[in-house]
């Protein structure tokens, strides 16, 4: 299992909105990173991995739609779920635009904070499960490499069972629950 905590990227040009979002997410198992522009969000995405992005649709310079388009064009970030938040009255065309870009949701303010918390928690849980699966896959790959190396020692001329046993012992001692001790 991973020791890394999930992160949520909050993007809004109004500081008071970021403070409100931080308060809504308080107590969830997530590290919050808040930025005030699309450009700052893209910079954060270069250095951090995020479980979810809460993105204001209407911002100056680079709006949320343009920011989301850049996020979804990058191989490294295209899988991150984006929830659009907007103070504008619900507009089906804007919501559709958000979904076309790849958003998973489009919420208009005022929204129910408990609903937002629940949605964010789903993505935190998914992120944690994916991180756990990735760690298990990496460990299984290491074990596979160790078995291959041990077999190479046994297939050598002359076979070297001592070296093969040493490789397997090392793999067993460094593995988690996959090999019996």
Protein backbone atom coordinates (compact mmCIF):
# COMPACT_ATOMS: atom_id res chain seq x y z
CA UNK A 1 0.00 0.00 0.00
CA UNK A 2 1.16 3.53 -0.70
CA UNK A 3 2.17 5.96 2.02
CA UNK A 4 1.43 8.96 -0.18
CA UNK A 5 -1.71 10.96 0.60
CA UNK A 6 -4.18 11.88 -2.14
CA UNK A 7 -4.14 15.50 -3.28
CA UNK A 8 -6.94 17.72 -4.55
CA UNK A 9 -6.19 20.71 -6.78
CA UNK A 10 -8.53 23.64 -6.17
CA UNK A 11 -8.54 26.31 -8.88
CA UNK A 12 -10.46 29.57 -8.49
CA UNK A 13 -9.49 33.19 -9.15
CA UNK A 14 -11.29 34.29 -5.98
CA UNK A 15 -9.39 33.58 -2.77
CA UNK A 16 -12.59 33.52 -0.69
CA UNK A 17 -13.94 30.69 -2.85
CA UNK A 18 -10.74 28.71 -2.28
CA UNK A 19 -11.05 29.23 1.48
CA UNK A 20 -14.66 27.99 1.34
CA UNK A 21 -13.65 24.90 -0.68
CA UNK A 22 -10.80 24.17 1.73
CA UNK A 23 -13.29 24.33 4.62
CA UNK A 24 -15.69 21.97 2.82
CA UNK A 25 -12.92 19.41 2.27
CA UNK A 26 -11.51 19.74 5.78
CA UNK A 27 -11.36 16.40 7.54
CA UNK A 28 -11.16 14.34 4.37
CA UNK A 29 -7.99 12.28 3.84
CA UNK A 30 -6.68 14.66 1.18
CA UNK A 31 -3.96 17.27 0.89
CA UNK A 32 -5.41 20.41 -0.65
CA UNK A 33 -3.40 22.53 -3.09
CA UNK A 34 -5.09 25.84 -3.94
CA UNK A 35 -4.19 28.11 -6.87
CA UNK A 36 -5.80 31.23 -8.32
CA UNK A 37 -5.32 30.73 -12.07
CA UNK A 38 -5.33 28.17 -14.83
CA UNK A 39 -1.66 28.83 -15.47
CA UNK A 40 -0.80 28.10 -11.82
CA UNK A 41 -2.89 24.91 -12.01
CA UNK A 42 -0.94 23.69 -15.04
CA UNK A 43 2.33 24.36 -13.21
CA UNK A 44 1.13 22.36 -10.18
CA UNK A 45 0.23 19.48 -12.49
CA UNK A 46 3.86 19.36 -13.66
CA UNK A 47 5.12 18.66 -10.15
CA UNK A 48 2.26 16.90 -8.31
CA UNK A 49 -0.17 14.04 -8.89
CA UNK A 50 -3.78 14.74 -8.00
CA UNK A 51 -6.78 12.55 -7.21
CA UNK A 52 -9.26 15.23 -8.33
CA UNK A 53 -9.39 18.81 -9.61
CA UNK A 54 -12.09 21.29 -8.56
CA UNK A 55 -12.01 23.91 -11.29
CA UNK A 56 -13.80 27.25 -11.54
CA UNK A 57 -15.30 27.50 -15.02
CA UNK A 58 -15.15 31.30 -15.19
CA UNK A 59 -11.72 32.87 -14.59
CA UNK A 60 -9.87 35.74 -16.26
CA UNK A 61 -6.97 35.15 -18.68
CA UNK A 62 -7.36 31.35 -18.96
CA UNK A 63 -10.84 30.14 -18.06
CA UNK A 64 -11.62 26.71 -16.65
CA UNK A 65 -12.55 25.27 -20.03
CA UNK A 66 -9.20 26.22 -21.56
CA UNK A 67 -7.38 24.95 -18.47
CA UNK A 68 -9.27 21.64 -18.64
CA UNK A 69 -8.46 21.32 -22.34
CA UNK A 70 -4.74 21.61 -21.55
CA UNK A 71 -5.07 19.11 -18.70
CA UNK A 72 -6.83 16.55 -20.89
CA UNK A 73 -4.28 16.96 -23.72
CA UNK A 74 -1.37 15.90 -21.49
CA UNK A 75 -0.76 12.17 -21.26
CA UNK A 76 0.30 12.47 -17.61
CA UNK A 77 -2.83 14.35 -16.49
CA UNK A 78 -5.65 13.32 -18.82
CA UNK A 79 -6.95 10.71 -16.37
CA UNK A 80 -7.45 13.15 -13.47
CA UNK A 81 -11.17 13.73 -12.81
CA UNK A 82 -12.27 17.36 -13.11
CA UNK A 83 -15.32 18.77 -11.35
CA UNK A 84 -16.29 22.16 -12.75
CA UNK A 85 -17.68 24.68 -10.29
CA UNK A 86 -19.37 27.86 -11.44
CA UNK A 87 -21.26 30.78 -9.94
CA UNK A 88 -23.07 31.29 -13.23
CA UNK A 89 -26.67 30.16 -13.51
CA UNK A 90 -26.92 26.66 -14.90
CA UNK A 91 -26.42 26.74 -18.66
CA UNK A 92 -26.83 23.39 -20.41
CA UNK A 93 -24.48 24.50 -23.22
CA UNK A 94 -21.68 25.33 -20.75
CA UNK A 95 -22.25 22.10 -18.85
CA UNK A 96 -22.15 20.17 -22.13
CA UNK A 97 -18.94 21.99 -23.08
CA UNK A 98 -17.41 20.91 -19.76
CA UNK A 99 -18.45 17.29 -20.28
CA UNK A 100 -17.12 17.37 -23.86
CA UNK A 101 -13.72 18.45 -22.56
CA UNK A 102 -13.72 15.52 -20.16
CA UNK A 103 -15.14 16.80 -16.89
CA UNK A 104 -16.85 14.27 -14.64
CA UNK A 105 -19.26 16.82 -13.19
CA UNK A 106 -20.45 20.41 -13.52
CA UNK A 107 -21.84 22.03 -10.36
CA UNK A 108 -23.41 25.46 -10.05
CA UNK A 109 -23.16 27.52 -6.89
CA UNK A 110 -24.64 27.36 -4.42
CA UNK A 111 -24.10 23.62 -4.21
CA UNK A 112 -24.58 21.26 -1.29
CA UNK A 113 -21.19 20.97 0.45
CA UNK A 114 -21.98 17.40 1.55
CA UNK A 115 -22.60 16.37 -2.03
CA UNK A 116 -19.27 17.88 -3.08
CA UNK A 117 -17.49 16.13 -0.18
CA UNK A 118 -19.05 12.82 -1.23
CA UNK A 119 -18.00 13.27 -4.86
CA UNK A 120 -14.45 14.20 -3.86
CA UNK A 121 -14.28 11.21 -1.49
CA UNK A 122 -15.18 8.85 -4.34
CA UNK A 123 -12.18 10.11 -6.32
CA UNK A 124 -9.90 9.94 -3.28
CA UNK A 125 -10.92 6.30 -2.78
CA UNK A 126 -10.35 5.51 -6.48
CA UNK A 127 -6.95 7.21 -6.37
CA UNK A 128 -5.95 5.20 -3.29
CA UNK A 129 -7.06 1.91 -4.88
CA UNK A 130 -5.18 2.72 -8.09
CA UNK A 131 -2.05 3.60 -6.10
CA UNK A 132 -2.34 0.32 -4.19
CA UNK A 133 -2.75 -1.66 -7.42
CA UNK A 134 0.25 0.09 -8.99
CA UNK A 135 2.38 -0.75 -5.94
CA UNK A 136 1.27 -4.39 -6.09
CA UNK A 137 2.02 -4.56 -9.82
CA UNK A 138 5.50 -3.14 -9.25
CA UNK A 139 6.15 -5.67 -6.49
CA UNK A 140 4.93 -8.55 -8.63
CA UNK A 141 7.18 -7.36 -11.44
CA UNK A 142 10.15 -7.39 -9.05
CA UNK A 143 9.24 -10.90 -7.93
CA UNK A 144 8.94 -12.03 -11.56
CA UNK A 145 12.39 -10.59 -12.26
CA UNK A 146 13.81 -12.43 -9.24
CA UNK A 147 12.33 -15.76 -10.36
CA UNK A 148 13.70 -15.21 -13.87
CA UNK A 149 17.12 -14.44 -12.45
CA UNK A 150 17.00 -17.55 -10.22
CA UNK A 151 16.02 -19.70 -13.21
CA UNK A 152 18.94 -18.25 -15.18
CA UNK A 153 21.26 -19.40 -12.37
CA UNK A 154 19.71 -22.88 -12.49
CA UNK A 155 19.90 -23.05 -16.31
CA UNK A 156 23.57 -22.02 -16.34
CA UNK A 157 26.33 -24.50 -17.05
CA UNK A 158 27.12 -25.55 -14.41
CA UNK A 159 23.89 -24.76 -12.53
CA UNK A 160 24.32 -22.52 -9.49
CA UNK A 161 21.59 -23.45 -7.00
CA UNK A 162 23.28 -21.42 -4.24
CA UNK A 163 23.00 -18.20 -6.28
CA UNK A 164 19.43 -19.08 -7.28
CA UNK A 165 18.46 -19.64 -3.64
CA UNK A 166 20.13 -16.36 -2.63
CA UNK A 167 18.13 -14.42 -5.25
CA UNK A 168 14.88 -16.02 -4.11
CA UNK A 169 15.69 -15.46 -0.43
CA UNK A 170 16.34 -11.78 -1.11
CA UNK A 171 13.07 -11.50 -3.05
CA UNK A 172 11.14 -13.23 -0.26
CA UNK A 173 12.63 -10.97 2.40
CA UNK A 174 11.83 -7.80 0.46
CA UNK A 175 8.31 -8.83 -0.63
CA UNK A 176 5.11 -7.97 1.19
CA UNK A 177 2.43 -10.66 1.43
CA UNK A 178 3.09 -12.50 -1.84
CA UNK A 179 5.75 -15.00 -0.81
CA UNK A 180 5.54 -17.05 2.39
CA UNK A 181 8.34 -16.40 4.86
